[in-house]
Amino acid sequence: TWGGGSVYYASYADSGKGRFTIFRDNAKNTMSLQMNNLKP
């Protein structure tokens, strides 16, 4: 959400295991998605 207050993930993102992580840098106007243990 705006300002980074809340984060939401799809169930397959396995966020609790660190598979997908979303983050934003408000100073640089960028958002990123780190994806680990990728699957076909």
Full PDB file with SEQRES, HELIX, SHEET, SSBOND, CRYST1, ORIGX, SCALE, CONECT and MASTER records, all heavy atoms in Angstrom:
SEQRES   1 A   40  THR TRP GLY GLY GLY SER VAL TYR TYR ALA SER TYR ALA          
SEQRES   2 A   40  ASP SER GLY LYS GLY ARG PHE THR ILE PHE ARG ASP ASN          
SEQRES   3 A   40  ALA LYS ASN THR MET SER LEU GLN MET ASN ASN LEU LYS          
SEQRES   4 A   40  PRO                                                          
HELIX    1 AA1 TRP A    2  GLY A    4  5                                   3    
HELIX    2 AA2 SER A   11  ALA A   13  5                                   3    
HELIX    3 AA3 SER A   15  LYS A   17  5                                   3    
SHEET    1 AA1 2 PHE A  20  ASP A  25  0                                        
SHEET    2 AA1 2 THR A  30  MET A  35 -1                                        
CRYST1    1.000    1.000    1.000  90.00  90.00  90.00 P 1           1          
ORIGX1      1.000000  0.000000  0.000000        0.00000                         
ORIGX2      0.000000  1.000000  0.000000        0.00000                         
ORIGX3      0.000000  0.000000  1.000000        0.00000                         
SCALE1      1.000000  0.000000  0.000000        0.00000                         
SCALE2      0.000000  1.000000  0.000000        0.00000                         
SCALE3      0.000000  0.000000  1.000000        0.00000                         
ATOM      1  N   THR A   1       0.823  -1.201   0.000  1.00  0.00           N  
ATOM      2  CA  THR A   1       0.000   0.000   0.000  1.00  0.00           C  
ATOM      3  C   THR A   1       0.864   1.262   0.000  1.00  0.00           C  
ATOM      4  O   THR A   1       2.069   1.190   0.240  1.00  0.00           O  
ATOM      5  CB  THR A   1      -0.919   0.011   1.221  1.00  0.00           C  
ATOM      6  OG1 THR A   1      -0.120  -0.069   2.402  1.00  0.00           O  
ATOM      7  CG2 THR A   1      -1.896  -1.144   1.167  1.00  0.00           C  
ATOM      8  N   TRP A   2       0.218   2.384  -0.286  1.00  0.00           N  
ATOM      9  CA  TRP A   2       0.946   3.642  -0.335  1.00  0.00           C  
ATOM     10  C   TRP A   2       1.659   3.847   0.989  1.00  0.00           C  
ATOM     11  O   TRP A   2       1.135   3.537   2.044  1.00  0.00           O  
ATOM     12  CB  TRP A   2       0.007   4.802  -0.644  1.00  0.00           C  
ATOM     13  CG  TRP A   2      -1.006   5.073   0.419  1.00  0.00           C  
ATOM     14  CD1 TRP A   2      -2.235   4.509   0.541  1.00  0.00           C  
ATOM     15  CD2 TRP A   2      -0.879   5.962   1.530  1.00  0.00           C  
ATOM     16  NE1 TRP A   2      -2.880   4.998   1.644  1.00  0.00           N  
ATOM     17  CE2 TRP A   2      -2.068   5.881   2.262  1.00  0.00           C  
ATOM     18  CE3 TRP A   2       0.126   6.836   1.952  1.00  0.00           C  
ATOM     19  CZ2 TRP A   2      -2.280   6.653   3.410  1.00  0.00           C  
ATOM     20  CZ3 TRP A   2      -0.086   7.597   3.101  1.00  0.00           C  
ATOM     21  CH2 TRP A   2      -1.279   7.493   3.795  1.00  0.00           C  
ATOM     22  N   GLY A   3       2.890   4.302   0.891  1.00  0.00           N  
ATOM     23  CA  GLY A   3       3.702   4.487   2.082  1.00  0.00           C  
ATOM     24  C   GLY A   3       4.269   3.197   2.633  1.00  0.00           C  
ATOM     25  O   GLY A   3       5.044   3.227   3.582  1.00  0.00           O  
ATOM     26  N   GLY A   4       3.880   2.048   2.059  1.00  0.00           N  
ATOM     27  CA  GLY A   4       4.421   0.770   2.518  1.00  0.00           C  
ATOM     28  C   GLY A   4       3.819   0.257   3.803  1.00  0.00           C  
ATOM     29  O   GLY A   4       4.391  -0.598   4.469  1.00  0.00           O  
ATOM     30  N   GLY A   5       2.625   0.730   4.167  1.00  0.00           N  
ATOM     31  CA  GLY A   5       2.046   0.351   5.435  1.00  0.00           C  
ATOM     32  C   GLY A   5       1.588  -1.084   5.527  1.00  0.00           C  
ATOM     33  O   GLY A   5       1.647  -1.698   6.587  1.00  0.00           O  
ATOM     34  N   SER A   6       1.091  -1.643   4.430  1.00  0.00           N  
ATOM     35  CA  SER A   6       0.582  -3.011   4.439  1.00  0.00           C  
ATOM     36  C   SER A   6       1.098  -3.753   3.224  1.00  0.00           C  
ATOM     37  O   SER A   6       1.271  -3.176   2.159  1.00  0.00           O  
ATOM     38  CB  SER A   6      -0.950  -3.016   4.426  1.00  0.00           C  
ATOM     39  OG  SER A   6      -1.460  -2.386   5.571  1.00  0.00           O  
ATOM     40  N   VAL A   7       1.315  -5.055   3.406  1.00  0.00           N  
ATOM     41  CA  VAL A   7       1.853  -5.903   2.340  1.00  0.00           C  
ATOM     42  C   VAL A   7       0.911  -7.080   2.143  1.00  0.00           C  
ATOM     43  O   VAL A   7       0.389  -7.649   3.119  1.00  0.00           O  
ATOM     44  CB  VAL A   7       3.263  -6.419   2.698  1.00  0.00           C  
ATOM     45  CG1 VAL A   7       3.843  -7.228   1.550  1.00  0.00           C  
ATOM     46  CG2 VAL A   7       4.181  -5.255   3.042  1.00  0.00           C  
ATOM     47  N   TYR A   8       0.711  -7.448   0.896  1.00  0.00           N  
ATOM     48  CA  TYR A   8      -0.176  -8.562   0.553  1.00  0.00           C  
ATOM     49  C   TYR A   8       0.544  -9.483  -0.428  1.00  0.00           C  
ATOM     50  O   TYR A   8       1.261  -9.012  -1.313  1.00  0.00           O  
ATOM     51  CB  TYR A   8      -1.460  -8.049  -0.102  1.00  0.00           C  
ATOM     52  CG  TYR A   8      -2.239  -7.077   0.744  1.00  0.00           C  
ATOM     53  CD1 TYR A   8      -1.907  -5.742   0.791  1.00  0.00           C  
ATOM     54  CD2 TYR A   8      -3.325  -7.513   1.515  1.00  0.00           C  
ATOM     55  CE1 TYR A   8      -2.607  -4.844   1.563  1.00  0.00           C  
ATOM     56  CE2 TYR A   8      -4.035  -6.626   2.290  1.00  0.00           C  
ATOM     57  CZ  TYR A   8      -3.674  -5.290   2.308  1.00  0.00           C  
ATOM     58  OH  TYR A   8      -4.380  -4.409   3.089  1.00  0.00           O  
ATOM     59  N   TYR A   9       0.312 -10.789  -0.265  1.00  0.00           N  
ATOM     60  CA  TYR A   9       0.904 -11.772  -1.171  1.00  0.00           C  
ATOM     61  C   TYR A   9      -0.138 -12.800  -1.584  1.00  0.00           C  
ATOM     62  O   TYR A   9      -1.020 -13.165  -0.810  1.00  0.00           O  
ATOM     63  CB  TYR A   9       2.054 -12.524  -0.489  1.00  0.00           C  
ATOM     64  CG  TYR A   9       3.280 -11.702  -0.228  1.00  0.00           C  
ATOM     65  CD1 TYR A   9       3.495 -11.125   1.025  1.00  0.00           C  
ATOM     66  CD2 TYR A   9       4.229 -11.511  -1.211  1.00  0.00           C  
ATOM     67  CE1 TYR A   9       4.630 -10.376   1.275  1.00  0.00           C  
ATOM     68  CE2 TYR A   9       5.374 -10.761  -0.970  1.00  0.00           C  
ATOM     69  CZ  TYR A   9       5.564 -10.201   0.269  1.00  0.00           C  
ATOM     70  OH  TYR A   9       6.695  -9.455   0.514  1.00  0.00           O  
ATOM     71  N   ALA A  10       0.030 -13.302  -2.807  1.00  0.00           N  
ATOM     72  CA  ALA A  10      -0.740 -14.464  -3.226  1.00  0.00           C  
ATOM     73  C   ALA A  10      -0.238 -15.677  -2.452  1.00  0.00           C  
ATOM     74  O   ALA A  10       0.922 -15.722  -2.049  1.00  0.00           O  
ATOM     75  CB  ALA A  10      -0.568 -14.695  -4.723  1.00  0.00           C  
ATOM     76  N   SER A  11      -1.097 -16.647  -2.285  1.00  0.00           N  
ATOM     77  CA  SER A  11      -0.720 -17.805  -1.476  1.00  0.00           C  
ATOM     78  C   SER A  11       0.479 -18.552  -2.050  1.00  0.00           C  
ATOM     79  O   SER A  11       1.334 -19.041  -1.306  1.00  0.00           O  
ATOM     80  CB  SER A  11      -1.907 -18.770  -1.342  1.00  0.00           C  
ATOM     81  OG  SER A  11      -2.329 -19.177  -2.637  1.00  0.00           O  
ATOM     82  N   TYR A  12       0.613 -18.572  -3.374  1.00  0.00           N  
ATOM     83  CA  TYR A  12       1.705 -19.331  -3.986  1.00  0.00           C  
ATOM     84  C   TYR A  12       3.045 -18.625  -3.805  1.00  0.00           C  
ATOM     85  O   TYR A  12       4.093 -19.207  -4.076  1.00  0.00           O  
ATOM     86  CB  TYR A  12       1.445 -19.571  -5.477  1.00  0.00           C  
ATOM     87  CG  TYR A  12       1.305 -18.307  -6.280  1.00  0.00           C  
ATOM     88  CD1 TYR A  12       2.419 -17.570  -6.648  1.00  0.00           C  
ATOM     89  CD2 TYR A  12       0.055 -17.843  -6.647  1.00  0.00           C  
ATOM     90  CE1 TYR A  12       2.301 -16.401  -7.370  1.00  0.00           C  
ATOM     91  CE2 TYR A  12      -0.081 -16.673  -7.365  1.00  0.00           C  
ATOM     92  CZ  TYR A  12       1.036 -15.956  -7.726  1.00  0.00           C  
ATOM     93  OH  TYR A  12       0.910 -14.812  -8.422  1.00  0.00           O  
ATOM     94  N   ALA A  13       3.017 -17.353  -3.368  1.00  0.00           N  
ATOM     95  CA  ALA A  13       4.253 -16.603  -3.208  1.00  0.00           C  
ATOM     96  C   ALA A  13       5.067 -17.060  -2.004  1.00  0.00           C  
ATOM     97  O   ALA A  13       6.240 -16.716  -1.881  1.00  0.00           O  
ATOM     98  CB  ALA A  13       3.939 -15.115  -3.086  1.00  0.00           C  
ATOM     99  N   ASP A  14       4.420 -17.845  -1.125  1.00  0.00           N  
ATOM    100  CA  ASP A  14       5.130 -18.412   0.036  1.00  0.00           C  
ATOM    101  C   ASP A  14       5.966 -17.345   0.751  1.00  0.00           C  
ATOM    102  O   ASP A  14       7.144 -17.570   1.064  1.00  0.00           O  
ATOM    103  CB  ASP A  14       6.051 -19.555  -0.386  1.00  0.00           C  
ATOM    104  CG  ASP A  14       5.276 -20.769  -0.877  1.00  0.00           C  
ATOM    105  OD1 ASP A  14       4.117 -20.923  -0.456  1.00  0.00           O  
ATOM    106  OD2 ASP A  14       5.831 -21.538  -1.664  1.00  0.00           O  
ATOM    107  N   SER A  15       5.336 -16.224   1.011  1.00  0.00           N  
ATOM    108  CA  SER A  15       6.085 -15.112   1.587  1.00  0.00           C  
ATOM    109  C   SER A  15       6.704 -15.477   2.925  1.00  0.00           C  
ATOM    110  O   SER A  15       7.782 -14.990   3.286  1.00  0.00           O  
ATOM    111  CB  SER A  15       5.175 -13.895   1.747  1.00  0.00           C  
ATOM    112  OG  SER A  15       4.104 -14.198   2.617  1.00  0.00           O  
ATOM    113  N   GLY A  16       6.033 -16.363   3.683  1.00  0.00           N  
ATOM    114  CA  GLY A  16       6.567 -16.752   4.976  1.00  0.00           C  
ATOM    115  C   GLY A  16       7.884 -17.495   4.857  1.00  0.00           C  
ATOM    116  O   GLY A  16       8.680 -17.531   5.797  1.00  0.00           O  
ATOM    117  N   LYS A  17       8.131 -18.095   3.680  1.00  0.00           N  
ATOM    118  CA  LYS A  17       9.372 -18.827   3.445  1.00  0.00           C  
ATOM    119  C   LYS A  17      10.348 -17.978   2.663  1.00  0.00           C  
ATOM    120  O   LYS A  17      11.392 -18.470   2.231  1.00  0.00           O  
ATOM    121  CB  LYS A  17       9.076 -20.120   2.676  1.00  0.00           C  
ATOM    122  CG  LYS A  17       8.131 -21.056   3.417  1.00  0.00           C  
ATOM    123  CD  LYS A  17       7.833 -22.314   2.588  1.00  0.00           C  
ATOM    124  CE  LYS A  17       6.839 -23.196   3.304  1.00  0.00           C  
ATOM    125  NZ  LYS A  17       6.481 -24.391   2.491  1.00  0.00           N  
ATOM    126  N   GLY A  18       9.974 -16.716   2.428  1.00  0.00           N  
ATOM    127  CA  GLY A  18      10.879 -15.824   1.727  1.00  0.00           C  
ATOM    128  C   GLY A  18      10.980 -16.096   0.247  1.00  0.00           C  
ATOM    129  O   GLY A  18      11.952 -15.682  -0.380  1.00  0.00           O  
ATOM    130  N   ARG A  19       9.972 -16.751  -0.319  1.00  0.00           N  
ATOM    131  CA  ARG A  19      10.100 -17.076  -1.736  1.00  0.00           C  
ATOM    132  C   ARG A  19       9.922 -15.804  -2.577  1.00  0.00           C  
ATOM    133  O   ARG A  19      10.720 -15.532  -3.444  1.00  0.00           O  
ATOM    134  CB  ARG A  19       9.086 -18.144  -2.158  1.00  0.00           C  
ATOM    135  CG  ARG A  19       9.511 -18.865  -3.419  1.00  0.00           C  
ATOM    136  CD  ARG A  19       8.692 -20.118  -3.626  1.00  0.00           C  
ATOM    137  NE  ARG A  19       7.469 -19.862  -4.351  1.00  0.00           N  
ATOM    138  CZ  ARG A  19       7.393 -19.769  -5.686  1.00  0.00           C  
ATOM    139  NH1 ARG A  19       8.481 -19.881  -6.428  1.00  0.00           N  
ATOM    140  NH2 ARG A  19       6.229 -19.568  -6.284  1.00  0.00           N  
ATOM    141  N   PHE A  20       8.860 -15.039  -2.316  1.00  0.00           N  
ATOM    142  CA  PHE A  20       8.667 -13.765  -2.990  1.00  0.00           C  
ATOM    143  C   PHE A  20       8.639 -12.653  -1.933  1.00  0.00           C  
ATOM    144  O   PHE A  20       7.975 -12.805  -0.905  1.00  0.00           O  
ATOM    145  CB  PHE A  20       7.344 -13.730  -3.758  1.00  0.00           C  
ATOM    146  CG  PHE A  20       7.310 -14.516  -5.043  1.00  0.00           C  
ATOM    147  CD1 PHE A  20       8.301 -15.419  -5.360  1.00  0.00           C  
ATOM    148  CD2 PHE A  20       6.263 -14.333  -5.931  1.00  0.00           C  
ATOM    149  CE1 PHE A  20       8.257 -16.143  -6.544  1.00  0.00           C  
ATOM    150  CE2 PHE A  20       6.206 -15.050  -7.124  1.00  0.00           C  
ATOM    151  CZ  PHE A  20       7.194 -15.956  -7.426  1.00  0.00           C  
ATOM    152  N   THR A  21       9.313 -11.559  -2.218  1.00  0.00           N  
ATOM    153  CA  THR A  21       9.300 -10.405  -1.339  1.00  0.00           C  
ATOM    154  C   THR A  21       9.143  -9.141  -2.164  1.00  0.00           C  
ATOM    155  O   THR A  21       9.909  -8.914  -3.095  1.00  0.00           O  
ATOM    156  CB  THR A  21      10.595 -10.310  -0.510  1.00  0.00           C  
ATOM    157  OG1 THR A  21      10.796 -11.525   0.215  1.00  0.00           O  
ATOM    158  CG2 THR A  21      10.511  -9.155   0.478  1.00  0.00           C  
ATOM    159  N   ILE A  22       8.144  -8.339  -1.806  1.00  0.00           N  
ATOM    160  CA  ILE A  22       7.922  -7.067  -2.489  1.00  0.00           C  
ATOM    161  C   ILE A  22       8.429  -5.944  -1.603  1.00  0.00           C  
ATOM    162  O   ILE A  22       8.247  -5.980  -0.380  1.00  0.00           O  
ATOM    163  CB  ILE A  22       6.422  -6.873  -2.835  1.00  0.00           C  
ATOM    164  CG1 ILE A  22       6.207  -5.630  -3.668  1.00  0.00           C  
ATOM    165  CG2 ILE A  22       5.568  -6.842  -1.570  1.00  0.00           C  
ATOM    166  CD1 ILE A  22       4.772  -5.488  -4.190  1.00  0.00           C  
ATOM    167  N   PHE A  23       9.050  -4.957  -2.202  1.00  0.00           N  
ATOM    168  CA  PHE A  23       9.485  -3.810  -1.419  1.00  0.00           C  
ATOM    169  C   PHE A  23       9.564  -2.589  -2.338  1.00  0.00           C  
ATOM    170  O   PHE A  23       9.597  -2.710  -3.566  1.00  0.00           O  
ATOM    171  CB  PHE A  23      10.823  -4.068  -0.717  1.00  0.00           C  
ATOM    172  CG  PHE A  23      11.943  -4.529  -1.610  1.00  0.00           C  
ATOM    173  CD1 PHE A  23      12.890  -3.634  -2.083  1.00  0.00           C  
ATOM    174  CD2 PHE A  23      12.078  -5.872  -1.950  1.00  0.00           C  
ATOM    175  CE1 PHE A  23      13.931  -4.060  -2.885  1.00  0.00           C  
ATOM    176  CE2 PHE A  23      13.119  -6.306  -2.765  1.00  0.00           C  
ATOM    177  CZ  PHE A  23      14.046  -5.393  -3.221  1.00  0.00           C  
ATOM    178  N   ARG A  24       9.556  -1.427  -1.711  1.00  0.00           N  
ATOM    179  CA  ARG A  24       9.581  -0.186  -2.467  1.00  0.00           C  
ATOM    180  C   ARG A  24      10.597   0.764  -1.864  1.00  0.00           C  
ATOM    181  O   ARG A  24      10.860   0.728  -0.658  1.00  0.00           O  
ATOM    182  CB  ARG A  24       8.198   0.453  -2.532  1.00  0.00           C  
ATOM    183  CG  ARG A  24       7.630   0.874  -1.188  1.00  0.00           C  
ATOM    184  CD  ARG A  24       6.132   1.208  -1.296  1.00  0.00           C  
ATOM    185  NE  ARG A  24       5.875   2.406  -2.069  1.00  0.00           N  
ATOM    186  CZ  ARG A  24       4.661   2.752  -2.530  1.00  0.00           C  
ATOM    187  NH1 ARG A  24       3.624   1.981  -2.272  1.00  0.00           N  
ATOM    188  NH2 ARG A  24       4.499   3.879  -3.207  1.00  0.00           N  
ATOM    189  N   ASP A  25      11.121   1.615  -2.717  1.00  0.00           N  
ATOM    190  CA  ASP A  25      12.040   2.673  -2.281  1.00  0.00           C  
ATOM    191  C   ASP A  25      11.399   3.992  -2.667  1.00  0.00           C  
ATOM    192  O   ASP A  25      11.459   4.402  -3.830  1.00  0.00           O  
ATOM    193  CB  ASP A  25      13.406   2.492  -2.957  1.00  0.00           C  
ATOM    194  CG  ASP A  25      14.445   3.472  -2.436  1.00  0.00           C  
ATOM    195  OD1 ASP A  25      14.059   4.561  -1.947  1.00  0.00           O  
ATOM    196  OD2 ASP A  25      15.638   3.169  -2.530  1.00  0.00           O  
ATOM    197  N   ASN A  26      10.771   4.639  -1.694  1.00  0.00           N  
ATOM    198  CA  ASN A  26      10.041   5.867  -1.990  1.00  0.00           C  
ATOM    199  C   ASN A  26      10.960   7.014  -2.387  1.00  0.00           C  
ATOM    200  O   ASN A  26      10.540   7.945  -3.066  1.00  0.00           O  
ATOM    201  CB  ASN A  26       9.186   6.261  -0.785  1.00  0.00           C  
ATOM    202  CG  ASN A  26       8.019   5.315  -0.582  1.00  0.00           C  
ATOM    203  OD1 ASN A  26       7.507   4.715  -1.525  1.00  0.00           O  
ATOM    204  ND2 ASN A  26       7.603   5.162   0.674  1.00  0.00           N  
ATOM    205  N   ALA A  27      12.202   6.950  -1.995  1.00  0.00           N  
ATOM    206  CA  ALA A  27      13.155   7.994  -2.368  1.00  0.00           C  
ATOM    207  C   ALA A  27      13.554   7.889  -3.844  1.00  0.00           C  
ATOM    208  O   ALA A  27      13.875   8.887  -4.486  1.00  0.00           O  
ATOM    209  CB  ALA A  27      14.391   7.913  -1.483  1.00  0.00           C  
ATOM    210  N   LYS A  28      13.518   6.671  -4.371  1.00  0.00           N  
ATOM    211  CA  LYS A  28      13.937   6.444  -5.762  1.00  0.00           C  
ATOM    212  C   LYS A  28      12.763   6.178  -6.697  1.00  0.00           C  
ATOM    213  O   LYS A  28      12.951   5.953  -7.889  1.00  0.00           O  
ATOM    214  CB  LYS A  28      14.906   5.260  -5.825  1.00  0.00           C  
ATOM    215  CG  LYS A  28      16.209   5.493  -5.090  1.00  0.00           C  
ATOM    216  CD  LYS A  28      17.136   4.297  -5.229  1.00  0.00           C  
ATOM    217  CE  LYS A  28      18.460   4.555  -4.533  1.00  0.00           C  
ATOM    218  NZ  LYS A  28      19.383   3.387  -4.626  1.00  0.00           N  
ATOM    219  N   ASN A  29      11.554   6.197  -6.147  1.00  0.00           N  
ATOM    220  CA  ASN A  29      10.347   5.924  -6.951  1.00  0.00           C  
ATOM    221  C   ASN A  29      10.417   4.570  -7.648  1.00  0.00           C  
ATOM    222  O   ASN A  29      10.073   4.433  -8.825  1.00  0.00           O  
ATOM    223  CB  ASN A  29      10.134   7.022  -8.004  1.00  0.00           C  
ATOM    224  CG  ASN A  29       9.695   8.324  -7.396  1.00  0.00           C  
ATOM    225  OD1 ASN A  29       9.511   8.426  -6.177  1.00  0.00           O  
ATOM    226  ND2 ASN A  29       9.544   9.342  -8.203  1.00  0.00           N  
ATOM    227  N   THR A  30      10.862   3.592  -6.924  1.00  0.00           N  
ATOM    228  CA  THR A  30      10.956   2.250  -7.498  1.00  0.00           C  
ATOM    229  C   THR A  30      10.307   1.212  -6.586  1.00  0.00           C  
ATOM    230  O   THR A  30      10.200   1.396  -5.369  1.00  0.00           O  
ATOM    231  CB  THR A  30      12.417   1.842  -7.735  1.00  0.00           C  
ATOM    232  OG1 THR A  30      13.120   1.866  -6.486  1.00  0.00           O  
ATOM    233  CG2 THR A  30      13.096   2.760  -8.726  1.00  0.00           C  
ATOM    234  N   MET A  31       9.878   0.147  -7.205  1.00  0.00           N  
ATOM    235  CA  MET A  31       9.335  -1.003  -6.497  1.00  0.00           C  
ATOM    236  C   MET A  31      10.031  -2.234  -7.047  1.00  0.00           C  
ATOM    237  O   MET A  31      10.390  -2.264  -8.235  1.00  0.00           O  
ATOM    238  CB  MET A  31       7.836  -1.127  -6.732  1.00  0.00           C  
ATOM    239  CG  MET A  31       7.230  -2.345  -6.079  1.00  0.00           C  
ATOM    240  SD  MET A  31       5.500  -2.597  -6.506  1.00  0.00           S  
ATOM    241  CE  MET A  31       5.574  -2.912  -8.256  1.00  0.00           C  
ATOM    242  N   SER A  32      10.219  -3.221  -6.204  1.00  0.00           N  
ATOM    243  CA  SER A  32      10.920  -4.417  -6.649  1.00  0.00           C  
ATOM    244  C   SER A  32      10.199  -5.670  -6.156  1.00  0.00           C  
ATOM    245  O   SER A  32       9.434  -5.621  -5.191  1.00  0.00           O  
ATOM    246  CB  SER A  32      12.359  -4.428  -6.125  1.00  0.00           C  
ATOM    247  OG  SER A  32      13.086  -3.312  -6.601  1.00  0.00           O  
ATOM    248  N   LEU A  33      10.482  -6.770  -6.836  1.00  0.00           N  
ATOM    249  CA  LEU A  33       9.984  -8.075  -6.420  1.00  0.00           C  
ATOM    250  C   LEU A  33      11.153  -9.036  -6.442  1.00  0.00           C  
ATOM    251  O   LEU A  33      11.690  -9.341  -7.511  1.00  0.00           O  
ATOM    252  CB  LEU A  33       8.873  -8.570  -7.354  1.00  0.00           C  
ATOM    253  CG  LEU A  33       8.252  -9.914  -6.973  1.00  0.00           C  
ATOM    254  CD1 LEU A  33       7.433  -9.774  -5.686  1.00  0.00           C  
ATOM    255  CD2 LEU A  33       7.379 -10.446  -8.102  1.00  0.00           C  
ATOM    256  N   GLN A  34      11.552  -9.477  -5.275  1.00  0.00           N  
ATOM    257  CA  GLN A  34      12.606 -10.475  -5.166  1.00  0.00           C  
ATOM    258  C   GLN A  34      11.956 -11.848  -5.212  1.00  0.00           C  
ATOM    259  O   GLN A  34      11.078 -12.139  -4.389  1.00  0.00           O  
ATOM    260  CB  GLN A  34      13.388 -10.306  -3.861  1.00  0.00           C  
ATOM    261  CG  GLN A  34      14.448 -11.361  -3.632  1.00  0.00           C  
ATOM    262  CD  GLN A  34      15.597 -11.257  -4.627  1.00  0.00           C  
ATOM    263  OE1 GLN A  34      16.027 -10.172  -4.982  1.00  0.00           O  
ATOM    264  NE2 GLN A  34      16.072 -12.413  -5.079  1.00  0.00           N  
ATOM    265  N   MET A  35      12.376 -12.670  -6.139  1.00  0.00           N  
ATOM    266  CA  MET A  35      11.797 -13.999  -6.301  1.00  0.00           C  
ATOM    267  C   MET A  35      12.894 -15.039  -6.118  1.00  0.00           C  
ATOM    268  O   MET A  35      13.888 -15.029  -6.859  1.00  0.00           O  
ATOM    269  CB  MET A  35      11.163 -14.139  -7.684  1.00  0.00           C  
ATOM    270  CG  MET A  35      10.100 -13.097  -7.962  1.00  0.00           C  
ATOM    271  SD  MET A  35       9.210 -13.394  -9.513  1.00  0.00           S  
ATOM    272  CE  MET A  35      10.526 -13.127 -10.702  1.00  0.00           C  
ATOM    273  N   ASN A  36      12.715 -15.906  -5.143  1.00  0.00           N  
ATOM    274  CA  ASN A  36      13.682 -16.966  -4.855  1.00  0.00           C  
ATOM    275  C   ASN A  36      13.050 -18.322  -5.113  1.00  0.00           C  
ATOM    276  O   ASN A  36      11.827 -18.462  -5.155  1.00  0.00           O  
ATOM    277  CB  ASN A  36      14.125 -16.885  -3.390  1.00  0.00           C  
ATOM    278  CG  ASN A  36      14.784 -15.563  -3.058  1.00  0.00           C  
ATOM    279  OD1 ASN A  36      15.508 -14.980  -3.875  1.00  0.00           O  
ATOM    280  ND2 ASN A  36      14.540 -15.067  -1.851  1.00  0.00           N  
ATOM    281  N   ASN A  37      13.901 -19.324  -5.279  1.00  0.00           N  
ATOM    282  CA  ASN A  37      13.429 -20.691  -5.484  1.00  0.00           C  
ATOM    283  C   ASN A  37      12.346 -20.738  -6.574  1.00  0.00           C  
ATOM    284  O   ASN A  37      11.257 -21.266  -6.350  1.00  0.00           O  
ATOM    285  CB  ASN A  37      12.893 -21.269  -4.173  1.00  0.00           C  
ATOM    286  CG  ASN A  37      12.620 -22.756  -4.262  1.00  0.00           C  
ATOM    287  OD1 ASN A  37      13.200 -23.463  -5.096  1.00  0.00           O  
ATOM    288  ND2 ASN A  37      11.737 -23.235  -3.406  1.00  0.00           N  
ATOM    289  N   LEU A  38      12.657 -20.177  -7.696  1.00  0.00           N  
ATOM    290  CA  LEU A  38      11.681 -20.112  -8.777  1.00  0.00           C  
ATOM    291  C   LEU A  38      11.328 -21.493  -9.299  1.00  0.00           C  
ATOM    292  O   LEU A  38      12.166 -22.411  -9.312  1.00  0.00           O  
ATOM    293  CB  LEU A  38      12.205 -19.236  -9.905  1.00  0.00           C  
ATOM    294  CG  LEU A  38      12.116 -17.734  -9.606  1.00  0.00           C  
ATOM    295  CD1 LEU A  38      13.027 -16.945 -10.521  1.00  0.00           C  
ATOM    296  CD2 LEU A  38      10.684 -17.256  -9.740  1.00  0.00           C  
ATOM    297  N   LYS A  39      10.084 -21.632  -9.730  1.00  0.00           N  
ATOM    298  CA  LYS A  39       9.560 -22.891 -10.240  1.00  0.00           C  
ATOM    299  C   LYS A  39       9.072 -22.693 -11.667  1.00  0.00           C  
ATOM    300  O   LYS A  39       8.719 -21.561 -12.048  1.00  0.00           O  
ATOM    301  CB  LYS A  39       8.398 -23.347  -9.355  1.00  0.00           C  
ATOM    302  CG  LYS A  39       8.742 -23.440  -7.887  1.00  0.00           C  
ATOM    303  CD  LYS A  39       7.517 -23.740  -7.042  1.00  0.00           C  
ATOM    304  CE  LYS A  39       7.865 -23.768  -5.562  1.00  0.00           C  
ATOM    305  NZ  LYS A  39       6.678 -24.037  -4.716  1.00  0.00           N  
ATOM    306  N   PRO A  40       9.010 -23.750 -12.445  1.00  0.00           N  
ATOM    307  CA  PRO A  40       8.502 -23.603 -13.821  1.00  0.00           C  
ATOM    308  C   PRO A  40       7.111 -22.964 -13.872  1.00  0.00           C  
ATOM    309  O   PRO A  40       6.816 -22.223 -14.809  1.00  0.00           O  
ATOM    310  CB  PRO A  40       8.483 -25.052 -14.325  1.00  0.00           C  
ATOM    311  CG  PRO A  40       9.610 -25.702 -13.591  1.00  0.00           C  
ATOM    312  CD  PRO A  40       9.570 -25.093 -12.209  1.00  0.00           C  
TER     313      PRO A  40                                                      
MASTER        0    0    0    3    2    0    0    6  312    1    0    4          
END                                                                             
